[in-house]
């Protein structure tokens, strides 16, 4: 039981990271690229 709960928590954490951190990272990259593109 404990192992599967740990795995599920890990999945939820990675999903949350994908939902929050990854889009922010993409936005930053796109923003930086658009700034560089304007130069």
N, C-alpha and C. Protein backbone atom coordinates (compact mmCIF):
# COMPACT_ATOMS: atom_id res chain seq x y z
N UNK A 1 0.84 -1.21 0.00
CA UNK A 1 0.00 0.00 0.00
C UNK A 1 0.88 1.27 0.00
N UNK A 2 1.81 1.34 0.95
CA UNK A 2 2.62 2.55 1.07
C UNK A 2 3.38 2.89 -0.20
N UNK A 3 3.88 1.83 -0.87
CA UNK A 3 4.67 2.06 -2.08
C UNK A 3 3.78 2.66 -3.18
N UNK A 4 2.58 2.11 -3.35
CA UNK A 4 1.70 2.59 -4.42
C UNK A 4 1.24 4.01 -4.13
N UNK A 5 0.98 4.32 -2.86
CA UNK A 5 0.60 5.69 -2.49
C UNK A 5 1.74 6.65 -2.84
N UNK A 6 2.96 6.25 -2.52
CA UNK A 6 4.13 7.07 -2.85
C UNK A 6 4.23 7.30 -4.34
N UNK A 7 3.98 6.25 -5.13
CA UNK A 7 4.03 6.38 -6.59
C UNK A 7 2.95 7.33 -7.08
N UNK A 8 1.74 7.21 -6.51
CA UNK A 8 0.64 8.08 -6.92
C UNK A 8 0.95 9.54 -6.59
N UNK A 9 1.53 9.78 -5.42
CA UNK A 9 1.91 11.14 -5.02
C UNK A 9 2.96 11.67 -5.99
N UNK A 10 3.92 10.82 -6.34
CA UNK A 10 4.95 11.22 -7.30
C UNK A 10 4.33 11.60 -8.64
N UNK A 11 3.33 10.81 -9.08
CA UNK A 11 2.65 11.11 -10.34
C UNK A 11 1.93 12.45 -10.26
N UNK A 12 1.22 12.67 -9.15
CA UNK A 12 0.49 13.93 -8.97
C UNK A 12 1.46 15.11 -8.95
N UNK A 13 2.58 14.94 -8.25
CA UNK A 13 3.58 16.01 -8.17
C UNK A 13 4.14 16.32 -9.55
N UNK A 14 4.46 15.28 -10.33
CA UNK A 14 5.02 15.51 -11.66
C UNK A 14 3.97 16.14 -12.57
N UNK A 15 2.71 15.73 -12.42
CA UNK A 15 1.64 16.32 -13.22
C UNK A 15 1.47 17.80 -12.88
N UNK A 16 1.53 18.12 -11.58
CA UNK A 16 1.42 19.52 -11.16
C UNK A 16 2.59 20.33 -11.69
N UNK A 17 3.79 19.74 -11.67
CA UNK A 17 4.96 20.43 -12.22
C UNK A 17 4.76 20.71 -13.70
N UNK A 18 4.21 19.72 -14.42
CA UNK A 18 3.97 19.91 -15.85
C UNK A 18 2.94 21.00 -16.08
N UNK A 19 1.94 21.06 -15.21
CA UNK A 19 0.87 22.05 -15.36
C UNK A 19 1.36 23.46 -15.05
N UNK A 20 2.24 23.60 -14.05
CA UNK A 20 2.63 24.94 -13.60
C UNK A 20 3.98 25.36 -14.15
N UNK A 21 5.02 24.58 -13.86
CA UNK A 21 6.38 24.99 -14.21
C UNK A 21 6.61 24.98 -15.71
N UNK A 22 6.14 23.93 -16.39
CA UNK A 22 6.47 23.79 -17.80
C UNK A 22 5.85 24.89 -18.66
N UNK A 23 4.56 25.20 -18.50
CA UNK A 23 4.00 26.32 -19.27
C UNK A 23 4.70 27.65 -18.98
N UNK A 24 5.06 27.88 -17.73
CA UNK A 24 5.80 29.10 -17.39
C UNK A 24 7.14 29.13 -18.10
N UNK A 25 7.80 27.98 -18.14
CA UNK A 25 9.09 27.86 -18.82
C UNK A 25 8.91 28.15 -20.31
N UNK A 26 7.86 27.58 -20.90
CA UNK A 26 7.58 27.83 -22.32
C UNK A 26 7.30 29.30 -22.57
N UNK A 27 6.51 29.92 -21.70
CA UNK A 27 6.19 31.34 -21.84
C UNK A 27 7.47 32.18 -21.78
N UNK A 28 8.36 31.84 -20.85
CA UNK A 28 9.62 32.58 -20.73
C UNK A 28 10.43 32.43 -22.01
N UNK A 29 10.54 31.21 -22.50
CA UNK A 29 11.32 30.95 -23.72
C UNK A 29 10.72 31.72 -24.89
N UNK A 30 9.40 31.64 -25.04
CA UNK A 30 8.74 32.34 -26.15
C UNK A 30 8.92 33.84 -26.01
N UNK A 31 8.80 34.35 -24.78
CA UNK A 31 8.95 35.78 -24.54
C UNK A 31 10.36 36.25 -24.88
N UNK A 32 11.36 35.50 -24.41
CA UNK A 32 12.76 35.84 -24.69
C UNK A 32 13.01 35.79 -26.19
N UNK A 33 12.48 34.76 -26.85
CA UNK A 33 12.67 34.62 -28.29
C UNK A 33 12.02 35.79 -29.03
N UNK A 34 10.85 36.22 -28.58
CA UNK A 34 10.16 37.32 -29.25
C UNK A 34 10.93 38.63 -29.03
N UNK A 35 11.51 38.79 -27.85
CA UNK A 35 12.33 39.99 -27.58
C UNK A 35 13.55 39.98 -28.50
N UNK A 36 14.23 38.82 -28.59
CA UNK A 36 15.41 38.71 -29.45
C UNK A 36 15.02 38.94 -30.91
N UNK A 37 13.83 38.48 -31.25
CA UNK A 37 13.38 38.58 -32.64
C UNK A 37 13.14 40.03 -33.04
N UNK A 38 12.71 40.85 -32.07
CA UNK A 38 12.41 42.25 -32.36
C UNK A 38 13.68 43.07 -32.63
N UNK A 39 14.81 42.64 -32.05
CA UNK A 39 16.05 43.41 -32.17
C UNK A 39 16.49 43.59 -33.62
